[in-house]
PDB file of N, CA and C in Angstrom:
ATOM      1  N   MET A   1      25.441  66.278  12.566  1.00  0.00           N
ATOM      2  CA  MET A   1      26.325  66.895  12.931  1.00  0.00           C
ATOM      3  C   MET A   1      25.977  68.183  13.146  1.00  0.00           C
ATOM      4  N   PRO A   2      26.088  68.256  14.298  1.00  0.00           N
ATOM      5  CA  PRO A   2      25.843  69.922  14.931  1.00  0.00           C
ATOM      6  C   PRO A   2      26.727  70.731  14.437  1.00  0.00           C
ATOM      7  N   THR A   3      26.415  71.938  14.206  1.00  0.00           N
ATOM      8  CA  THR A   3      26.965  73.126  13.427  1.00  0.00           C
ATOM      9  C   THR A   3      27.980  73.632  14.874  1.00  0.00           C
ATOM     10  N   SER A   4      28.764  74.690  14.544  1.00  0.00           N
ATOM     11  CA  SER A   4      29.310  75.474  15.948  1.00  0.00           C
ATOM     12  C   SER A   4      28.337  76.463  16.272  1.00  0.00           C
ATOM     13  N   ALA A   5      27.315  77.080  15.675  1.00  0.00           N
ATOM     14  CA  ALA A   5      26.315  77.968  15.473  1.00  0.00           C
ATOM     15  C   ALA A   5      25.347  76.746  16.595  1.00  0.00           C
ATOM     16  N   SER A   6      24.941  76.045  16.183  1.00  0.00           N
ATOM     17  CA  SER A   6      24.238  75.312  17.254  1.00  0.00           C
ATOM     18  C   SER A   6      25.020  74.959  18.772  1.00  0.00           C
ATOM     19  N   LYS A   7      25.911  74.905  18.891  1.00  0.00           N
ATOM     20  CA  LYS A   7      26.811  74.477  20.256  1.00  0.00           C
ATOM     21  C   LYS A   7      26.505  75.842  21.015  1.00  0.00           C
ATOM     22  N   SER A   8      26.301  75.533  22.466  1.00  0.00           N
ATOM     23  CA  SER A   8      26.380  76.044  23.227  1.00  0.00           C
ATOM     24  C   SER A   8      27.713  76.486  23.786  1.00  0.00           C
ATOM     25  N   LYS A   9      28.337  77.721  24.343  1.00  0.00           N
ATOM     26  CA  LYS A   9      29.490  78.144  24.637  1.00  0.00           C
ATOM     27  C   LYS A   9      28.716  78.095  26.151  1.00  0.00           C
ATOM     28  N   PHE A  10      28.574  77.557  26.881  1.00  0.00           N
ATOM     29  CA  PHE A  10      28.248  77.697  28.227  1.00  0.00           C
ATOM     30  C   PHE A  10      27.800  76.270  28.657  1.00  0.00           C
ATOM     31  N   SER A  11      27.886  75.767  29.827  1.00  0.00           N
ATOM     32  CA  SER A  11      27.827  74.341  30.360  1.00  0.00           C
ATOM     33  C   SER A  11      26.392  74.518  30.837  1.00  0.00           C
ATOM     34  N   ALA A  12      25.866  73.448  30.852  1.00  0.00           N
ATOM     35  CA  ALA A  12      24.073  73.352  31.495  1.00  0.00           C
ATOM     36  C   ALA A  12      24.108  73.758  32.561  1.00  0.00           C
ATOM     37  N   THR A  13      24.874  74.002  33.496  1.00  0.00           N
ATOM     38  CA  THR A  13      24.305  74.662  34.958  1.00  0.00           C
ATOM     39  C   THR A  13      24.540  75.956  34.859  1.00  0.00           C
ATOM     40  N   ALA A  14      25.669  76.463  33.724  1.00  0.00           N
ATOM     41  CA  ALA A  14      25.793  77.964  34.011  1.00  0.00           C
ATOM     42  C   ALA A  14      24.348  78.474  33.054  1.00  0.00           C
ATOM     43  N   GLN A  15      23.535  77.661  31.761  1.00  0.00           N
ATOM     44  CA  GLN A  15      22.398  77.941  31.248  1.00  0.00           C
ATOM     45  C   GLN A  15      21.336  77.984  32.044  1.00  0.00           C
ATOM     46  N   GLU A  16      21.472  77.005  33.199  1.00  0.00           N
ATOM     47  CA  GLU A  16      20.180  77.003  33.903  1.00  0.00           C
ATOM     48  C   GLU A  16      20.201  77.957  34.656  1.00  0.00           C
ATOM     49  N   SER A  17      21.167  78.393  35.431  1.00  0.00           N
ATOM     50  CA  SER A  17      21.530  79.551  36.317  1.00  0.00           C
ATOM     51  C   SER A  17      21.196  80.868  35.602  1.00  0.00           C
ATOM     52  N   PHE A  18      21.469  81.028  34.204  1.00  0.00           N
ATOM     53  CA  PHE A  18      21.464  82.187  33.571  1.00  0.00           C
ATOM     54  C   PHE A  18      19.675  82.104  33.481  1.00  0.00           C
ATOM     55  N   LEU A  19      19.153  80.828  33.088  1.00  0.00           N
ATOM     56  CA  LEU A  19      17.536  81.319  32.813  1.00  0.00           C
ATOM     57  C   LEU A  19      16.651  81.472  34.150  1.00  0.00           C
ATOM     58  N   ARG A  20      17.272  80.855  34.919  1.00  0.00           N
ATOM     59  CA  ARG A  20      16.758  81.004  36.664  1.00  0.00           C
ATOM     60  C   ARG A  20      16.739  82.402  37.098  1.00  0.00           C
ATOM     61  N   ALA A  21      17.829  83.164  36.771  1.00  0.00           N
ATOM     62  CA  ALA A  21      17.903  84.327  37.238  1.00  0.00           C
ATOM     63  C   ALA A  21      16.980  85.405  36.018  1.00  0.00           C
ATOM     64  N   LYS A  22      16.874  85.040  34.815  1.00  0.00           N
ATOM     65  CA  LYS A  22      16.382  85.579  34.080  1.00  0.00           C
ATOM     66  C   LYS A  22      14.655  85.817  34.352  1.00  0.00           C
ATOM     67  N   ARG A  23      14.012  84.893  35.052  1.00  0.00           N
ATOM     68  CA  ARG A  23      12.923  84.172  35.468  1.00  0.00           C
ATOM     69  C   ARG A  23      12.385  85.297  36.769  1.00  0.00           C
ATOM     70  N   GLU A  24      13.465  85.400  37.247  1.00  0.00           N
ATOM     71  CA  GLU A  24      13.343  86.293  39.020  1.00  0.00           C
ATOM     72  C   GLU A  24      12.922  87.460  38.686  1.00  0.00           C
ATOM     73  N   VAL A  25      12.148  87.943  39.927  1.00  0.00           N
ATOM     74  CA  VAL A  25      12.061  89.238  39.697  1.00  0.00           C
ATOM     75  C   VAL A  25      12.781  89.958  40.526  1.00  0.00           C
ATOM     76  N   THR A  26      12.863  91.193  39.479  1.00  0.00           N
ATOM     77  CA  THR A  26      14.083  91.873  40.283  1.00  0.00           C
ATOM     78  C   THR A  26      13.274  92.449  41.693  1.00  0.00           C
ATOM     79  N   SER A  27      14.567  92.472  42.731  1.00  0.00           N
ATOM     80  CA  SER A  27      13.885  92.889  43.907  1.00  0.00           C
ATOM     81  C   SER A  27      13.911  94.346  44.132  1.00  0.00           C
ATOM     82  N   ARG A  28      12.939  95.045  44.643  1.00  0.00           N
ATOM     83  CA  ARG A  28      12.700  96.242  44.934  1.00  0.00           C
ATOM     84  C   ARG A  28      13.681  96.573  45.662  1.00  0.00           C
ATOM     85  N   GLY A  29      14.721  96.266  46.478  1.00  0.00           N
ATOM     86  CA  GLY A  29      15.209  96.559  47.123  1.00  0.00           C
ATOM     87  C   GLY A  29      16.572  97.048  46.272  1.00  0.00           C
ATOM     88  N   LEU A  30      16.733  96.658  45.243  1.00  0.00           N
ATOM     89  CA  LEU A  30      17.939  97.018  44.526  1.00  0.00           C
ATOM     90  C   LEU A  30      17.614  98.377  43.998  1.00  0.00           C
ATOM     91  N   LEU A  31      16.066  98.631  43.699  1.00  0.00           N
ATOM     92  CA  LEU A  31      16.134  99.981  42.881  1.00  0.00           C
ATOM     93  C   LEU A  31      15.762 101.117  44.165  1.00  0.00           C
ATOM     94  N   THR A  32      15.392 100.372  45.405  1.00  0.00           N
ATOM     95  CA  THR A  32      14.942 101.453  46.324  1.00  0.00           C
ATOM     96  C   THR A  32      16.001 101.771  47.317  1.00  0.00           C
ATOM     97  N   ASP A  33      16.991 100.945  47.453  1.00  0.00           N
ATOM     98  CA  ASP A  33      18.444 100.630  48.362  1.00  0.00           C
ATOM     99  C   ASP A  33      17.779 100.251  49.707  1.00  0.00           C
ATOM    100  N   LYS A  34      16.606  99.589  49.746  1.00  0.00           N
ATOM    101  CA  LYS A  34      16.301  98.600  50.886  1.00  0.00           C
ATOM    102  C   LYS A  34      16.055  97.582  50.802  1.00  0.00           C
ATOM    103  N   PRO A  35      16.426  96.926  51.561  1.00  0.00           N
ATOM    104  CA  PRO A  35      16.577  95.416  51.464  1.00  0.00           C
ATOM    105  C   PRO A  35      15.095  94.873  51.636  1.00  0.00           C
ATOM    106  N   GLN A  36      14.666  93.876  50.688  1.00  0.00           N
ATOM    107  CA  GLN A  36      12.986  93.488  50.812  1.00  0.00           C
ATOM    108  C   GLN A  36      13.186  92.589  52.388  1.00  0.00           C
ATOM    109  N   GLU A  37      11.922  93.076  52.831  1.00  0.00           N
ATOM    110  CA  GLU A  37      11.573  92.403  53.891  1.00  0.00           C
ATOM    111  C   GLU A  37      10.995  90.737  53.475  1.00  0.00           C
ATOM    112  N   PRO A  38      11.067  89.624  54.514  1.00  0.00           N
ATOM    113  CA  PRO A  38      10.596  88.256  53.990  1.00  0.00           C
ATOM    114  C   PRO A  38       9.232  88.886  54.885  1.00  0.00           C
ATOM    115  N   THR A  39       8.365  87.556  53.890  1.00  0.00           N
ATOM    116  CA  THR A  39       7.243  87.763  54.937  1.00  0.00           C
ATOM    117  C   THR A  39       7.193  86.696  55.899  1.00  0.00           C
ATOM    118  N   LEU A  40       6.076  86.542  57.010  1.00  0.00           N
ATOM    119  CA  LEU A  40       6.244  85.956  57.716  1.00  0.00           C
ATOM    120  C   LEU A  40       6.085  84.263  57.104  1.00  0.00           C
ATOM    121  N   ASP A  41       5.498  83.930  56.129  1.00  0.00           N
ATOM    122  CA  ASP A  41       5.308  82.559  55.318  1.00  0.00           C
ATOM    123  C   ASP A  41       6.153  82.030  55.194  1.00  0.00           C
ATOM    124  N   GLN A  42       7.363  82.823  54.175  1.00  0.00           N
ATOM    125  CA  GLN A  42       8.698  82.986  53.702  1.00  0.00           C
ATOM    126  C   GLN A  42       9.480  82.887  54.996  1.00  0.00           C
ATOM    127  N   ALA A  43       9.760  83.291  55.942  1.00  0.00           N
ATOM    128  CA  ALA A  43      10.786  82.962  57.170  1.00  0.00           C
ATOM    129  C   ALA A  43      10.079  81.765  57.355  1.00  0.00           C
ATOM    130  N   ARG A  44       8.903  81.396  57.965  1.00  0.00           N
ATOM    131  CA  ARG A  44       8.195  80.247  58.148  1.00  0.00           C
ATOM    132  C   ARG A  44       8.984  78.979  57.719  1.00  0.00           C
ATOM    133  N   ASP A  45       8.813  79.095  56.108  1.00  0.00           N
ATOM    134  CA  ASP A  45       9.079  78.326  55.558  1.00  0.00           C
ATOM    135  C   ASP A  45      10.881  78.252  55.615  1.00  0.00           C
ATOM    136  N   ASP A  46      11.506  78.911  55.692  1.00  0.00           N
ATOM    137  CA  ASP A  46      12.982  78.976  55.394  1.00  0.00           C
ATOM    138  C   ASP A  46      13.324  78.014  56.696  1.00  0.00           C
ATOM    139  N   LEU A  47      13.090  78.502  57.810  1.00  0.00           N
ATOM    140  CA  LEU A  47      13.107  78.344  59.096  1.00  0.00           C
ATOM    141  C   LEU A  47      13.146  76.440  59.252  1.00  0.00           C
ATOM    142  N   ALA A  48      11.767  75.947  58.568  1.00  0.00           N
ATOM    143  CA  ALA A  48      11.217  75.057  58.955  1.00  0.00           C
ATOM    144  C   ALA A  48      12.355  73.944  57.754  1.00  0.00           C
ATOM    145  N   LYS A  49      12.857  74.363  56.446  1.00  0.00           N
ATOM    146  CA  LYS A  49      13.877  74.121  55.946  1.00  0.00           C
ATOM    147  C   LYS A  49      15.228  73.929  56.431  1.00  0.00           C
ATOM    148  N   ALA A  50      15.622  74.532  57.254  1.00  0.00           N
ATOM    149  CA  ALA A  50      17.183  74.875  57.816  1.00  0.00           C
ATOM    150  C   ALA A  50      16.621  73.584  58.662  1.00  0.00           C
ATOM    151  N   ILE A  51      15.681  73.672  59.645  1.00  0.00           N
ATOM    152  CA  ILE A  51      15.498  72.453  60.465  1.00  0.00           C
ATOM    153  C   ILE A  51      15.333  71.131  60.191  1.00  0.00           C
ATOM    154  N   SER A  52      14.920  71.177  58.834  1.00  0.00           N
ATOM    155  CA  SER A  52      14.614  69.767  57.970  1.00  0.00           C
ATOM    156  C   SER A  52      16.117  69.320  57.737  1.00  0.00           C
ATOM    157  N   ARG A  53      16.686  70.196  57.159  1.00  0.00           N
ATOM    158  CA  ARG A  53      18.035  69.967  56.657  1.00  0.00           C
ATOM    159  C   ARG A  53      18.680  69.373  57.551  1.00  0.00           C
ATOM    160  N   ILE A  54      19.097  69.716  59.143  1.00  0.00           N
ATOM    161  CA  ILE A  54      19.597  69.634  59.948  1.00  0.00           C
ATOM    162  C   ILE A  54      19.221  68.430  60.355  1.00  0.00           C
ATOM    163  N   THR A  55      17.905  68.016  60.402  1.00  0.00           N
ATOM    164  CA  THR A  55      17.600  66.813  61.081  1.00  0.00           C
ATOM    165  C   THR A  55      17.817  65.628  60.044  1.00  0.00           C
ATOM    166  N   HIS A  56      17.680  65.841  58.838  1.00  0.00           N
ATOM    167  CA  HIS A  56      18.215  64.718  57.780  1.00  0.00           C
ATOM    168  C   HIS A  56      19.718  64.728  57.907  1.00  0.00           C
ATOM    169  N   GLU A  57      20.205  65.481  58.228  1.00  0.00           N
ATOM    170  CA  GLU A  57      21.525  65.322  57.978  1.00  0.00           C
ATOM    171  C   GLU A  57      22.185  64.307  59.620  1.00  0.00           C
ATOM    172  N   LEU A  58      21.230  64.824  60.437  1.00  0.00           N
ATOM    173  CA  LEU A  58      21.762  64.137  61.655  1.00  0.00           C
ATOM    174  C   LEU A  58      21.136  62.394  62.099  1.00  0.00           C
ATOM    175  N   PHE A  59      19.556  62.363  61.427  1.00  0.00           N
ATOM    176  CA  PHE A  59      19.038  61.292  62.025  1.00  0.00           C
ATOM    177  C   PHE A  59      18.338  60.493  60.824  1.00  0.00           C
ATOM    178  N   ALA A  60      18.970  60.832  59.484  1.00  0.00           N
ATOM    179  CA  ALA A  60      18.570  59.990  58.513  1.00  0.00           C
ATOM    180  C   ALA A  60      19.155  58.701  58.285  1.00  0.00           C
ATOM    181  N   ASP A  61      20.284  58.350  58.804  1.00  0.00           N
ATOM    182  CA  ASP A  61      20.862  56.951  58.922  1.00  0.00           C
ATOM    183  C   ASP A  61      19.795  56.171  59.831  1.00  0.00           C
ATOM    184  N   ARG A  62      19.538  56.737  60.692  1.00  0.00           N
ATOM    185  CA  ARG A  62      18.839  56.094  62.120  1.00  0.00           C
ATOM    186  C   ARG A  62      17.321  55.690  61.759  1.00  0.00           C
ATOM    187  N   PHE A  63      16.891  56.712  61.570  1.00  0.00           N
ATOM    188  CA  PHE A  63      15.132  56.811  60.880  1.00  0.00           C
ATOM    189  C   PHE A  63      14.679  56.878  59.538  1.00  0.00           C
ATOM    190  N   GLY A  64      15.422  56.996  58.685  1.00  0.00           N
ATOM    191  CA  GLY A  64      15.396  56.462  57.378  1.00  0.00           C
ATOM    192  C   GLY A  64      15.400  58.083  56.893  1.00  0.00           C
ATOM    193  N   PRO A  65      15.103  58.015  55.096  1.00  0.00           N
ATOM    194  CA  PRO A  65      15.280  59.031  54.522  1.00  0.00           C
ATOM    195  C   PRO A  65      14.215  60.337  54.001  1.00  0.00           C
ATOM    196  N   LEU A  66      13.174  59.935  54.794  1.00  0.00           N
ATOM    197  CA  LEU A  66      11.884  60.723  55.015  1.00  0.00           C
ATOM    198  C   LEU A  66      12.057  61.790  56.277  1.00  0.00           C
ATOM    199  N   VAL A  67      12.887  61.342  57.502  1.00  0.00           N
ATOM    200  CA  VAL A  67      13.170  62.067  58.331  1.00  0.00           C
ATOM    201  C   VAL A  67      12.838  63.630  58.320  1.00  0.00           C
ATOM    202  N   GLY A  68      13.404  63.886  57.362  1.00  0.00           N
ATOM    203  CA  GLY A  68      13.430  65.492  56.914  1.00  0.00           C
ATOM    204  C   GLY A  68      12.431  65.928  56.447  1.00  0.00           C
ATOM    205  N   THR A  69      11.645  65.161  55.399  1.00  0.00           N
ATOM    206  CA  THR A  69      10.860  66.301  54.834  1.00  0.00           C
ATOM    207  C   THR A  69       9.463  65.738  56.139  1.00  0.00           C
ATOM    208  N   ILE A  70       9.350  64.798  56.699  1.00  0.00           N
ATOM    209  CA  ILE A  70       8.248  64.559  57.823  1.00  0.00           C
ATOM    210  C   ILE A  70       8.449  65.920  58.704  1.00  0.00           C
ATOM    211  N   THR A  71       9.659  66.283  59.282  1.00  0.00           N
ATOM    212  CA  THR A  71      10.197  67.229  60.334  1.00  0.00           C
ATOM    213  C   THR A  71       9.861  68.479  59.821  1.00  0.00           C
ATOM    214  N   GLU A  72      10.104  68.758  58.317  1.00  0.00           N
ATOM    215  CA  GLU A  72       9.700  69.879  57.756  1.00  0.00           C
ATOM    216  C   GLU A  72       8.148  70.536  57.985  1.00  0.00           C
ATOM    217  N   THR A  73       7.396  69.695  57.922  1.00  0.00           N
ATOM    218  CA  THR A  73       5.887  69.540  57.896  1.00  0.00           C
ATOM    219  C   THR A  73       5.730  69.923  58.999  1.00  0.00           C
ATOM    220  N   SER A  74       6.008  69.272  60.008  1.00  0.00           N
ATOM    221  CA  SER A  74       5.904  69.250  61.378  1.00  0.00           C
ATOM    222  C   SER A  74       5.856  70.412  62.016  1.00  0.00           C
ATOM    223  N   VAL A  75       7.358  70.997  61.899  1.00  0.00           N
ATOM    224  CA  VAL A  75       7.698  72.205  61.842  1.00  0.00           C
ATOM    225  C   VAL A  75       7.070  73.529  61.370  1.00  0.00           C
ATOM    226  N   THR A  76       6.565  73.184  60.140  1.00  0.00           N
ATOM    227  CA  THR A  76       5.622  74.411  59.810  1.00  0.00           C
ATOM    228  C   THR A  76       4.440  74.427  60.331  1.00  0.00           C
ATOM    229  N   ALA A  77       3.671  73.080  61.044  1.00  0.00           N
ATOM    230  CA  ALA A  77       2.500  72.933  61.484  1.00  0.00           C
ATOM    231  C   ALA A  77       2.501  73.875  63.040  1.00  0.00           C
ATOM    232  N   THR A  78       3.761  73.539  63.478  1.00  0.00           N
ATOM    233  CA  THR A  78       4.057  73.830  64.935  1.00  0.00           C
ATOM    234  C   THR A  78       4.080  75.238  64.824  1.00  0.00           C
ATOM    235  N   LEU A  79       4.957  76.021  64.146  1.00  0.00           N
ATOM    236  CA  LEU A  79       5.194  77.279  64.014  1.00  0.00           C
ATOM    237  C   LEU A  79       3.976  78.106  63.502  1.00  0.00           C
ATOM    238  N   LYS A  80       2.815  77.646  62.903  1.00  0.00           N
ATOM    239  CA  LYS A  80       1.650  78.214  62.483  1.00  0.00           C
ATOM    240  C   LYS A  80       0.940  78.154  63.872  1.00  0.00           C
ATOM    241  N   SER A  81       0.879  77.178  64.699  1.00  0.00           N
ATOM    242  CA  SER A  81      -0.102  77.019  65.774  1.00  0.00           C
ATOM    243  C   SER A  81       0.544  77.660  66.457  1.00  0.00           C
ATOM    244  N   PHE A  82       2.081  77.925  66.963  1.00  0.00           N
ATOM    245  CA  PHE A  82       2.436  78.754  67.896  1.00  0.00           C
ATOM    246  C   PHE A  82       2.209  80.400  67.392  1.00  0.00           C
ATOM    247  N   GLU A  83       2.068  80.714  66.458  1.00  0.00           N
ATOM    248  CA  GLU A  83       1.622  82.131  65.936  1.00  0.00           C
ATOM    249  C   GLU A  83       0.216  82.338  66.469  1.00  0.00           C
ATOM    250  N   ASN A  84      -0.620  81.556  66.253  1.00  0.00           N
ATOM    251  CA  ASN A  84      -2.096  81.651  66.699  1.00  0.00           C
ATOM    252  C   ASN A  84      -2.264  81.849  68.109  1.00  0.00           C
ATOM    253  N   SER A  85      -1.151  80.737  68.879  1.00  0.00           N
ATOM    254  CA  SER A  85      -1.382  80.795  70.494  1.00  0.00           C
ATOM    255  C   SER A  85      -0.764  82.458  70.586  1.00  0.00           C
ATOM    256  N   LEU A  86       0.251  83.111  69.985  1.00  0.00           N
ATOM    257  CA  LEU A  86       0.760  84.087  70.488  1.00  0.00           C
ATOM    258  C   LEU A  86      -0.333  85.241  70.106  1.00  0.00           C
ATOM    259  N   VAL A  87      -1.158  85.470  68.857  1.00  0.00           N
ATOM    260  CA  VAL A  87      -2.024  86.380  68.668  1.00  0.00           C
ATOM    261  C   VAL A  87      -3.156  86.060  69.963  1.00  0.00           C
ATOM    262  N   GLN A  88      -3.642  84.940  70.418  1.00  0.00           N
ATOM    263  CA  GLN A  88      -4.466  84.881  71.656  1.00  0.00           C
ATOM    264  C   GLN A  88      -4.082  85.387  72.706  1.00  0.00           C
ATOM    265  N   ALA A  89      -2.831  84.881  72.660  1.00  0.00           N
ATOM    266  CA  ALA A  89      -2.374  85.312  74.174  1.00  0.00           C
ATOM    267  C   ALA A  89      -2.633  87.076  73.927  1.00  0.00           C
ATOM    268  N   LYS A  90      -1.760  87.616  72.961  1.00  0.00           N
ATOM    269  CA  LYS A  90      -1.944  88.967  72.944  1.00  0.00           C
ATOM    270  C   LYS A  90      -3.490  89.472  73.199  1.00  0.00           C
ATOM    271  N   GLY A  91      -4.209  89.233  72.704  1.00  0.00           N
ATOM    272  CA  GLY A  91      -5.764  89.513  72.629  1.00  0.00           C
ATOM    273  C   GLY A  91      -5.851  89.664  74.180  1.00  0.00           C
ATOM    274  N   ASN A  92      -5.757  87.962  75.083  1.00  0.00           N
ATOM    275  CA  ASN A  92      -5.991  87.890  76.633  1.00  0.00           C
ATOM    276  C   ASN A  92      -5.130  89.041  77.397  1.00  0.00           C
ATOM    277  N   ALA A  93      -4.082  88.968  76.988  1.00  0.00           N
ATOM    278  CA  ALA A  93      -3.301  90.042  77.624  1.00  0.00           C
ATOM    279  C   ALA A  93      -3.695  91.507  77.714  1.00  0.00           C
ATOM    280  N   THR A  94      -4.169  92.111  76.288  1.00  0.00           N
ATOM    281  CA  THR A  94      -4.687  92.893  76.265  1.00  0.00           C
ATOM    282  C   THR A  94      -5.986  93.520  77.157  1.00  0.00           C
ATOM    283  N   ILE A  95      -6.982  92.485  77.031  1.00  0.00           N
ATOM    284  CA  ILE A  95      -7.933  92.441  77.638  1.00  0.00           C
ATOM    285  C   ILE A  95      -8.004  92.921  79.294  1.00  0.00           C
ATOM    286  N   VAL A  96      -7.011  91.928  79.788  1.00  0.00           N
ATOM    287  CA  VAL A  96      -6.540  91.858  81.173  1.00  0.00           C
ATOM    288  C   VAL A  96      -5.861  93.242  81.514  1.00  0.00           C
ATOM    289  N   ILE A  97      -5.430  93.749  80.558  1.00  0.00           N
ATOM    290  CA  ILE A  97      -4.589  95.038  81.087  1.00  0.00           C
ATOM    291  C   ILE A  97      -5.630  95.833  81.029  1.00  0.00           C
ATOM    292  N   GLN A  98      -6.516  95.859  80.094  1.00  0.00           N
ATOM    293  CA  GLN A  98      -7.727  96.979  80.269  1.00  0.00           C
ATOM    294  C   GLN A  98      -8.623  96.989  81.308  1.00  0.00           C
ATOM    295  N   GLU A  99      -8.710  95.651  81.625  1.00  0.00           N
ATOM    296  CA  GLU A  99      -9.758  95.540  83.064  1.00  0.00           C
ATOM    297  C   GLU A  99      -8.777  96.208  84.218  1.00  0.00           C
ATOM    298  N   ILE A 100      -7.496  95.777  84.399  1.00  0.00           N
ATOM    299  CA  ILE A 100      -7.180  96.297  85.725  1.00  0.00           C
ATOM    300  C   ILE A 100      -6.795  97.806  85.647  1.00  0.00           C
ATOM    301  N   ALA A 101      -6.406  98.452  84.053  1.00  0.00           N
ATOM    302  CA  ALA A 101      -6.869  99.642  84.257  1.00  0.00           C
ATOM    303  C   ALA A 101      -7.672 100.640  84.649  1.00  0.00           C
ATOM    304  N   ASP A 102      -8.839 100.095  84.212  1.00  0.00           N
ATOM    305  CA  ASP A 102     -10.289 100.464  84.343  1.00  0.00           C
ATOM    306  C   ASP A 102     -10.796 100.485  85.820  1.00  0.00           C
ATOM    307  N   ARG A 103     -10.363  99.289  86.718  1.00  0.00           N
ATOM    308  CA  ARG A 103     -10.868  99.016  88.161  1.00  0.00           C
ATOM    309  C   ARG A 103      -9.667 100.013  88.610  1.00  0.00           C
ATOM    310  N   PHE A 104      -8.514 100.320  88.264  1.00  0.00           N
ATOM    311  CA  PHE A 104      -7.438 100.920  88.868  1.00  0.00           C
ATOM    312  C   PHE A 104      -8.213 102.543  89.048  1.00  0.00           C
ATOM    313  N   ILE A 105      -8.227 102.914  87.660  1.00  0.00           N
ATOM    314  CA  ILE A 105      -8.511 104.253  87.598  1.00  0.00           C
ATOM    315  C   ILE A 105     -10.322 104.729  88.187  1.00  0.00           C
ATOM    316  N   THR A 106     -11.354 103.496  88.129  1.00  0.00           N
ATOM    317  CA  THR A 106     -12.481 103.743  89.138  1.00  0.00           C
ATOM    318  C   THR A 106     -12.490 104.113  90.501  1.00  0.00           C
ATOM    319  N   SER A 107     -11.349 103.192  91.078  1.00  0.00           N
ATOM    320  CA  SER A 107     -11.200 102.960  92.376  1.00  0.00           C
ATOM    321  C   SER A 107     -10.784 104.090  93.162  1.00  0.00           C
ATOM    322  N   LYS A 108      -9.764 105.181  92.006  1.00  0.00           N
ATOM    323  CA  LYS A 108      -9.506 106.098  92.662  1.00  0.00           C
ATOM    324  C   LYS A 108     -10.489 107.142  92.509  1.00  0.00           C
ATOM    325  N   GLU A 109     -11.192 106.857  91.186  1.00  0.00           N
ATOM    326  CA  GLU A 109     -12.523 108.080  91.677  1.00  0.00           C
ATOM    327  C   GLU A 109     -13.409 107.862  92.832  1.00  0.00           C
ATOM    328  N   SER A 110     -13.553 106.909  93.314  1.00  0.00           N
ATOM    329  CA  SER A 110     -14.402 106.654  94.006  1.00  0.00           C
ATOM    330  C   SER A 110     -13.807 106.852  95.498  1.00  0.00           C
ATOM    331  N   LYS A 111     -12.558 106.843  95.498  1.00  0.00           N
ATOM    332  CA  LYS A 111     -12.541 107.649  96.626  1.00  0.00           C
ATOM    333  C   LYS A 111     -12.378 109.159  97.305  1.00  0.00           C
TER     334      LYS A 111
END
């Protein structure tokens, strides 16, 4: 028979929450009064999870229970591809703007 000293005062959920909070790293924002900015990977994963949850709620009955998981990986891959395309487009735009500026400046100098 368990003694009163071995019994827990808190429910399993409360204990789990306490242990999880104890493992978490203290946010720097709490110490410096600045909110910690999420990284691009964290933001991408959060967006993918949110879209996955919405998709699962809307389409799980029609397409099966894995629609949310498949959607999450697809959204993550699509966002990564989009980011790569944006980086490439930024580089291309920079080159075009520099070329136009060079031609404009050299045409004024030759006149």
